[in-house]
PDB file of N, CA and C in Angstrom:
ATOM      1  N   MET A   1      77.555  94.833 123.393  1.00  0.00           N
ATOM      2  CA  MET A   1      78.520  95.675 122.718  1.00  0.00           C
ATOM      3  C   MET A   1      78.124  97.143 122.814  1.00  0.00           C
ATOM      4  N   ASP A   2      76.834  97.423 122.773  1.00  0.00           N
ATOM      5  CA  ASP A   2      76.377  98.803 122.884  1.00  0.00           C
ATOM      6  C   ASP A   2      76.766  99.411 124.223  1.00  0.00           C
ATOM      7  N   LEU A   3      76.675  98.606 125.275  1.00  0.00           N
ATOM      8  CA  LEU A   3      77.031  99.091 126.612  1.00  0.00           C
ATOM      9  C   LEU A   3      78.525  99.392 126.697  1.00  0.00           C
ATOM     10  N   VAL A   4      79.336  98.565 126.083  1.00  0.00           N
ATOM     11  CA  VAL A   4      80.782  98.783 126.087  1.00  0.00           C
ATOM     12  C   VAL A   4      81.122 100.093 125.380  1.00  0.00           C
ATOM     13  N   LEU A   5      80.509 100.331 124.244  1.00  0.00           N
ATOM     14  CA  LEU A   5      80.763 101.575 123.515  1.00  0.00           C
ATOM     15  C   LEU A   5      80.260 102.791 124.280  1.00  0.00           C
ATOM     16  N   LEU A   6      79.134 102.648 124.958  1.00  0.00           N
ATOM     17  CA  LEU A   6      78.617 103.750 125.768  1.00  0.00           C
ATOM     18  C   LEU A   6      79.568 104.078 126.913  1.00  0.00           C
ATOM     19  N   VAL A   7      80.056 103.061 127.604  1.00  0.00           N
ATOM     20  CA  VAL A   7      81.005 103.279 128.696  1.00  0.00           C
ATOM     21  C   VAL A   7      82.288 103.908 128.166  1.00  0.00           C
ATOM     22  N   PHE A   8      82.780 103.440 127.037  1.00  0.00           N
ATOM     23  CA  PHE A   8      83.982 104.019 126.438  1.00  0.00           C
ATOM     24  C   PHE A   8      83.765 105.489 126.093  1.00  0.00           C
ATOM     25  N   GLY A   9      82.632 105.811 125.503  1.00  0.00           N
ATOM     26  CA  GLY A   9      82.342 107.191 125.129  1.00  0.00           C
ATOM     27  C   GLY A   9      82.241 108.109 126.328  1.00  0.00           C
ATOM     28  N   ILE A  10      81.571 107.656 127.366  1.00  0.00           N
ATOM     29  CA  ILE A  10      81.438 108.465 128.576  1.00  0.00           C
ATOM     30  C   ILE A  10      82.790 108.635 129.264  1.00  0.00           C
ATOM     31  N   ALA A  11      83.579 107.577 129.304  1.00  0.00           N
ATOM     32  CA  ALA A  11      84.888 107.655 129.954  1.00  0.00           C
ATOM     33  C   ALA A  11      85.857 108.533 129.177  1.00  0.00           C
ATOM     34  N   SER A  12      85.662 108.696 127.884  1.00  0.00           N
ATOM     35  CA  SER A  12      86.584 109.507 127.095  1.00  0.00           C
ATOM     36  C   SER A  12      86.318 111.006 127.219  1.00  0.00           C
ATOM     37  N   LEU A  13      85.135 111.386 127.667  1.00  0.00           N
ATOM     38  CA  LEU A  13      84.799 112.808 127.768  1.00  0.00           C
ATOM     39  C   LEU A  13      85.724 113.589 128.700  1.00  0.00           C
ATOM     40  N   PRO A  14      86.023 113.117 129.915  1.00  0.00           N
ATOM     41  CA  PRO A  14      86.966 113.877 130.751  1.00  0.00           C
ATOM     42  C   PRO A  14      88.348 114.012 130.116  1.00  0.00           C
ATOM     43  N   GLY A  15      88.790 113.001 129.429  1.00  0.00           N
ATOM     44  CA  GLY A  15      90.077 113.078 128.744  1.00  0.00           C
ATOM     45  C   GLY A  15      90.084 114.126 127.647  1.00  0.00           C
ATOM     46  N   LEU A  16      88.983 114.221 126.935  1.00  0.00           N
ATOM     47  CA  LEU A  16      88.878 115.239 125.892  1.00  0.00           C
ATOM     48  C   LEU A  16      88.882 116.651 126.475  1.00  0.00           C
ATOM     49  N   VAL A  17      88.195 116.829 127.576  1.00  0.00           N
ATOM     50  CA  VAL A  17      88.146 118.147 128.211  1.00  0.00           C
ATOM     51  C   VAL A  17      89.521 118.553 128.725  1.00  0.00           C
ATOM     52  N   VAL A  18      90.188 117.645 129.422  1.00  0.00           N
ATOM     53  CA  VAL A  18      91.517 117.954 129.969  1.00  0.00           C
ATOM     54  C   VAL A  18      92.512 118.216 128.853  1.00  0.00           C
ATOM     55  N   SER A  19      92.534 117.380 127.827  1.00  0.00           N
ATOM     56  CA  SER A  19      93.487 117.595 126.741  1.00  0.00           C
ATOM     57  C   SER A  19      93.180 118.874 125.976  1.00  0.00           C
ATOM     58  N   GLY A  20      91.907 119.213 125.848  1.00  0.00           N
ATOM     59  CA  GLY A  20      91.548 120.465 125.187  1.00  0.00           C
ATOM     60  C   GLY A  20      92.024 121.677 125.956  1.00  0.00           C
ATOM     61  N   LEU A  21      91.971 121.610 127.280  1.00  0.00           N
ATOM     62  CA  LEU A  21      92.428 122.723 128.101  1.00  0.00           C
ATOM     63  C   LEU A  21      93.949 122.863 128.095  1.00  0.00           C
ATOM     64  N   LEU A  22      94.651 121.766 127.964  1.00  0.00           N
ATOM     65  CA  LEU A  22      96.113 121.797 128.066  1.00  0.00           C
ATOM     66  C   LEU A  22      96.842 121.872 126.729  1.00  0.00           C
ATOM     67  N   VAL A  23      96.157 121.678 125.630  1.00  0.00           N
ATOM     68  CA  VAL A  23      96.828 121.530 124.342  1.00  0.00           C
ATOM     69  C   VAL A  23      97.613 122.778 123.924  1.00  0.00           C
ATOM     70  N   ASP A  24      97.119 123.951 124.244  1.00  0.00           N
ATOM     71  CA  ASP A  24      97.826 125.166 123.849  1.00  0.00           C
ATOM     72  C   ASP A  24      99.091 125.387 124.669  1.00  0.00           C
ATOM     73  N   ARG A  25      99.092 124.963 125.911  1.00  0.00           N
ATOM     74  CA  ARG A  25     100.229 125.239 126.789  1.00  0.00           C
ATOM     75  C   ARG A  25     101.323 124.193 126.704  1.00  0.00           C
ATOM     76  N   THR A  26     100.959 122.940 126.594  1.00  0.00           N
ATOM     77  CA  THR A  26     101.963 121.870 126.690  1.00  0.00           C
ATOM     78  C   THR A  26     101.816 120.862 125.559  1.00  0.00           C
ATOM     79  N   LEU A  27     101.780 121.340 124.349  1.00  0.00           N
ATOM     80  CA  LEU A  27     101.527 120.458 123.208  1.00  0.00           C
ATOM     81  C   LEU A  27     102.612 119.399 123.042  1.00  0.00           C
ATOM     82  N   ARG A  28     103.859 119.795 123.063  1.00  0.00           N
ATOM     83  CA  ARG A  28     104.948 118.834 122.839  1.00  0.00           C
ATOM     84  C   ARG A  28     104.967 117.758 123.923  1.00  0.00           C
ATOM     85  N   THR A  29     104.797 118.149 125.168  1.00  0.00           N
ATOM     86  CA  THR A  29     104.777 117.184 126.266  1.00  0.00           C
ATOM     87  C   THR A  29     103.598 116.229 126.120  1.00  0.00           C
ATOM     88  N   MET A  30     102.457 116.760 125.725  1.00  0.00           N
ATOM     89  CA  MET A  30     101.286 115.909 125.551  1.00  0.00           C
ATOM     90  C   MET A  30     101.470 114.919 124.412  1.00  0.00           C
ATOM     91  N   VAL A  31     102.141 115.331 123.362  1.00  0.00           N
ATOM     92  CA  VAL A  31     102.385 114.415 122.243  1.00  0.00           C
ATOM     93  C   VAL A  31     103.273 113.265 122.697  1.00  0.00           C
ATOM     94  N   TYR A  32     104.348 113.575 123.433  1.00  0.00           N
ATOM     95  CA  TYR A  32     105.226 112.513 123.934  1.00  0.00           C
ATOM     96  C   TYR A  32     104.479 111.582 124.885  1.00  0.00           C
ATOM     97  N   LEU A  33     103.651 112.156 125.743  1.00  0.00           N
ATOM     98  CA  LEU A  33     102.876 111.340 126.673  1.00  0.00           C
ATOM     99  C   LEU A  33     101.876 110.453 125.934  1.00  0.00           C
ATOM    100  N   ALA A  34     101.224 111.002 124.924  1.00  0.00           N
ATOM    101  CA  ALA A  34     100.250 110.223 124.149  1.00  0.00           C
ATOM    102  C   ALA A  34     100.924 109.067 123.405  1.00  0.00           C
ATOM    103  N   VAL A  35     102.082 109.329 122.832  1.00  0.00           N
ATOM    104  CA  VAL A  35     102.804 108.271 122.121  1.00  0.00           C
ATOM    105  C   VAL A  35     103.245 107.183 123.090  1.00  0.00           C
ATOM    106  N   ALA A  36     103.709 107.580 124.259  1.00  0.00           N
ATOM    107  CA  ALA A  36     104.128 106.597 125.263  1.00  0.00           C
ATOM    108  C   ALA A  36     102.946 105.753 125.735  1.00  0.00           C
ATOM    109  N   LEU A  37     101.822 106.400 126.017  1.00  0.00           N
ATOM    110  CA  LEU A  37     100.639 105.655 126.455  1.00  0.00           C
ATOM    111  C   LEU A  37     100.110 104.733 125.360  1.00  0.00           C
ATOM    112  N   TRP A  38     100.159 105.206 124.125  1.00  0.00           N
ATOM    113  CA  TRP A  38      99.721 104.379 123.010  1.00  0.00           C
ATOM    114  C   TRP A  38     100.613 103.147 122.882  1.00  0.00           C
ATOM    115  N   GLY A  39     101.908 103.335 123.021  1.00  0.00           N
ATOM    116  CA  GLY A  39     102.831 102.206 122.946  1.00  0.00           C
ATOM    117  C   GLY A  39     102.599 101.193 124.046  1.00  0.00           C
ATOM    118  N   VAL A  40     102.334 101.674 125.242  1.00  0.00           N
ATOM    119  CA  VAL A  40     102.110 100.770 126.369  1.00  0.00           C
ATOM    120  C   VAL A  40     100.796 100.011 126.208  1.00  0.00           C
ATOM    121  N   THR A  41      99.745 100.711 125.813  1.00  0.00           N
ATOM    122  CA  THR A  41      98.438 100.060 125.753  1.00  0.00           C
ATOM    123  C   THR A  41      98.233  99.230 124.494  1.00  0.00           C
ATOM    124  N   PHE A  42      98.772  99.660 123.374  1.00  0.00           N
ATOM    125  CA  PHE A  42      98.526  98.980 122.108  1.00  0.00           C
ATOM    126  C   PHE A  42      99.625  97.979 121.770  1.00  0.00           C
ATOM    127  N   GLY A  43     100.719  98.004 122.500  1.00  0.00           N
ATOM    128  CA  GLY A  43     101.848  97.128 122.211  1.00  0.00           C
ATOM    129  C   GLY A  43     101.493  95.648 122.225  1.00  0.00           C
ATOM    130  N   GLY A  44     100.652  95.246 123.153  1.00  0.00           N
ATOM    131  CA  GLY A  44     100.261  93.845 123.229  1.00  0.00           C
ATOM    132  C   GLY A  44      99.431  93.400 122.037  1.00  0.00           C
ATOM    133  N   MET A  45      98.624  94.301 121.505  1.00  0.00           N
ATOM    134  CA  MET A  45      97.797  93.945 120.350  1.00  0.00           C
ATOM    135  C   MET A  45      98.624  93.862 119.078  1.00  0.00           C
ATOM    136  N   VAL A  46      99.575  94.762 118.915  1.00  0.00           N
ATOM    137  CA  VAL A  46     100.392  94.743 117.707  1.00  0.00           C
ATOM    138  C   VAL A  46     101.204  93.462 117.648  1.00  0.00           C
ATOM    139  N   GLY A  47     101.615  92.975 118.808  1.00  0.00           N
ATOM    140  CA  GLY A  47     102.339  91.717 118.849  1.00  0.00           C
ATOM    141  C   GLY A  47     101.481  90.542 118.432  1.00  0.00           C
ATOM    142  N   GLY A  48     100.201  90.723 118.390  1.00  0.00           N
ATOM    143  CA  GLY A  48      99.303  89.676 117.922  1.00  0.00           C
ATOM    144  C   GLY A  48      98.725  88.815 119.029  1.00  0.00           C
ATOM    145  N   VAL A  49      99.250  88.937 120.240  1.00  0.00           N
ATOM    146  CA  VAL A  49      98.798  88.057 121.319  1.00  0.00           C
ATOM    147  C   VAL A  49      97.332  88.299 121.637  1.00  0.00           C
ATOM    148  N   LEU A  50      96.989  89.529 121.952  1.00  0.00           N
ATOM    149  CA  LEU A  50      95.610  89.841 122.304  1.00  0.00           C
ATOM    150  C   LEU A  50      94.685  89.746 121.106  1.00  0.00           C
ATOM    151  N   LEU A  51      95.130  90.264 119.983  1.00  0.00           N
ATOM    152  CA  LEU A  51      94.285  90.305 118.798  1.00  0.00           C
ATOM    153  C   LEU A  51      93.972  88.904 118.282  1.00  0.00           C
ATOM    154  N   GLU A  52      94.962  88.056 118.244  1.00  0.00           N
ATOM    155  CA  GLU A  52      94.747  86.705 117.735  1.00  0.00           C
ATOM    156  C   GLU A  52      93.899  85.871 118.682  1.00  0.00           C
ATOM    157  N   SER A  53      94.131  86.004 119.990  1.00  0.00           N
ATOM    158  CA  SER A  53      93.327  85.226 120.934  1.00  0.00           C
ATOM    159  C   SER A  53      91.883  85.707 120.947  1.00  0.00           C
ATOM    160  N   ALA A  54      91.658  87.009 120.781  1.00  0.00           N
ATOM    161  CA  ALA A  54      90.289  87.516 120.716  1.00  0.00           C
ATOM    162  C   ALA A  54      89.589  87.004 119.459  1.00  0.00           C
ATOM    163  N   GLY A  55      90.301  86.973 118.354  1.00  0.00           N
ATOM    164  CA  GLY A  55      89.717  86.451 117.125  1.00  0.00           C
ATOM    165  C   GLY A  55      89.402  84.970 117.224  1.00  0.00           C
ATOM    166  N   ALA A  56      90.286  84.220 117.874  1.00  0.00           N
ATOM    167  CA  ALA A  56      90.054  82.788 118.033  1.00  0.00           C
ATOM    168  C   ALA A  56      88.874  82.514 118.954  1.00  0.00           C
ATOM    169  N   ASP A  57      88.729  83.329 119.985  1.00  0.00           N
ATOM    170  CA  ASP A  57      87.579  83.168 120.872  1.00  0.00           C
ATOM    171  C   ASP A  57      86.281  83.541 120.171  1.00  0.00           C
ATOM    172  N   PHE A  58      86.348  84.531 119.293  1.00  0.00           N
ATOM    173  CA  PHE A  58      85.154  84.981 118.585  1.00  0.00           C
ATOM    174  C   PHE A  58      84.678  83.929 117.586  1.00  0.00           C
ATOM    175  N   ARG A  59      85.599  83.319 116.881  1.00  0.00           N
ATOM    176  CA  ARG A  59      85.274  82.303 115.868  1.00  0.00           C
ATOM    177  C   ARG A  59      85.870  80.958 116.276  1.00  0.00           C
ATOM    178  N   LYS A  60      85.308  80.327 117.278  1.00  0.00           N
ATOM    179  CA  LYS A  60      85.849  79.068 117.774  1.00  0.00           C
ATOM    180  C   LYS A  60      85.858  77.970 116.709  1.00  0.00           C
ATOM    181  N   SER A  61      84.895  78.013 115.799  1.00  0.00           N
ATOM    182  CA  SER A  61      84.826  76.962 114.784  1.00  0.00           C
ATOM    183  C   SER A  61      85.850  77.169 113.674  1.00  0.00           C
ATOM    184  N   GLN A  62      86.440  78.355 113.580  1.00  0.00           N
ATOM    185  CA  GLN A  62      87.388  78.640 112.498  1.00  0.00           C
ATOM    186  C   GLN A  62      88.713  79.158 113.051  1.00  0.00           C
ATOM    187  N   ARG A  63      89.239  78.527 114.076  1.00  0.00           N
ATOM    188  CA  ARG A  63      90.468  79.001 114.717  1.00  0.00           C
ATOM    189  C   ARG A  63      91.660  78.990 113.775  1.00  0.00           C
ATOM    190  N   ASP A  64      91.772  77.985 112.921  1.00  0.00           N
ATOM    191  CA  ASP A  64      92.910  77.922 112.004  1.00  0.00           C
ATOM    192  C   ASP A  64      92.888  79.083 111.022  1.00  0.00           C
ATOM    193  N   THR A  65      91.720  79.407 110.514  1.00  0.00           N
ATOM    194  CA  THR A  65      91.590  80.522 109.580  1.00  0.00           C
ATOM    195  C   THR A  65      91.940  81.832 110.257  1.00  0.00           C
ATOM    196  N   CYS A  66      91.469  82.012 111.458  1.00  0.00           N
ATOM    197  CA  CYS A  66      91.763  83.250 112.197  1.00  0.00           C
ATOM    198  C   CYS A  66      93.243  83.363 112.466  1.00  0.00           C
ATOM    199  N   SER A  67      93.876  82.284 112.822  1.00  0.00           N
ATOM    200  CA  SER A  67      95.306  82.283 113.128  1.00  0.00           C
ATOM    201  C   SER A  67      96.128  82.675 111.904  1.00  0.00           C
ATOM    202  N   VAL A  68      95.679  82.290 110.744  1.00  0.00           N
ATOM    203  CA  VAL A  68      96.404  82.609 109.508  1.00  0.00           C
ATOM    204  C   VAL A  68      96.144  84.044 109.062  1.00  0.00           C
ATOM    205  N   THR A  69      94.919  84.524 109.204  1.00  0.00           N
ATOM    206  CA  THR A  69      94.578  85.817 108.661  1.00  0.00           C
ATOM    207  C   THR A  69      94.969  86.987 109.563  1.00  0.00           C
ATOM    208  N   VAL A  70      95.088  86.782 110.854  1.00  0.00           N
ATOM    209  CA  VAL A  70      95.396  87.880 111.775  1.00  0.00           C
ATOM    210  C   VAL A  70      96.908  87.900 112.020  1.00  0.00           C
ATOM    211  N   ARG A  71      97.607  88.665 111.241  1.00  0.00           N
ATOM    212  CA  ARG A  71      99.047  88.833 111.400  1.00  0.00           C
ATOM    213  C   ARG A  71      99.387  90.319 111.243  1.00  0.00           C
ATOM    214  N   PRO A  72      99.114  91.147 112.276  1.00  0.00           N
ATOM    215  CA  PRO A  72      99.324  92.588 112.126  1.00  0.00           C
ATOM    216  C   PRO A  72     100.779  93.001 111.987  1.00  0.00           C
ATOM    217  N   GLY A  73     101.709  92.219 112.549  1.00  0.00           N
ATOM    218  CA  GLY A  73     103.114  92.636 112.513  1.00  0.00           C
ATOM    219  C   GLY A  73     103.876  92.154 111.294  1.00  0.00           C
ATOM    220  N   VAL A  74     103.251  91.322 110.479  1.00  0.00           N
ATOM    221  CA  VAL A  74     103.975  90.741 109.345  1.00  0.00           C
ATOM    222  C   VAL A  74     103.677  91.510 108.076  1.00  0.00           C
TER     223      VAL A  74
END
């Protein structure tokens, strides 16, 4: 898990630099782009498909409990 967080942190640095350079010039466009990207990437998790299957894989012995407790859209 530490390696995953390290890779995520390193990969986010170029995005922070680019968005910092562009934020003053194209703020409205960047907001629309960010919302669109968030919808595309997070849409599967909000539907519960990815989130519920990840929880079930994490707690194989308690799949029924995970299925009941993970309901982000309800």
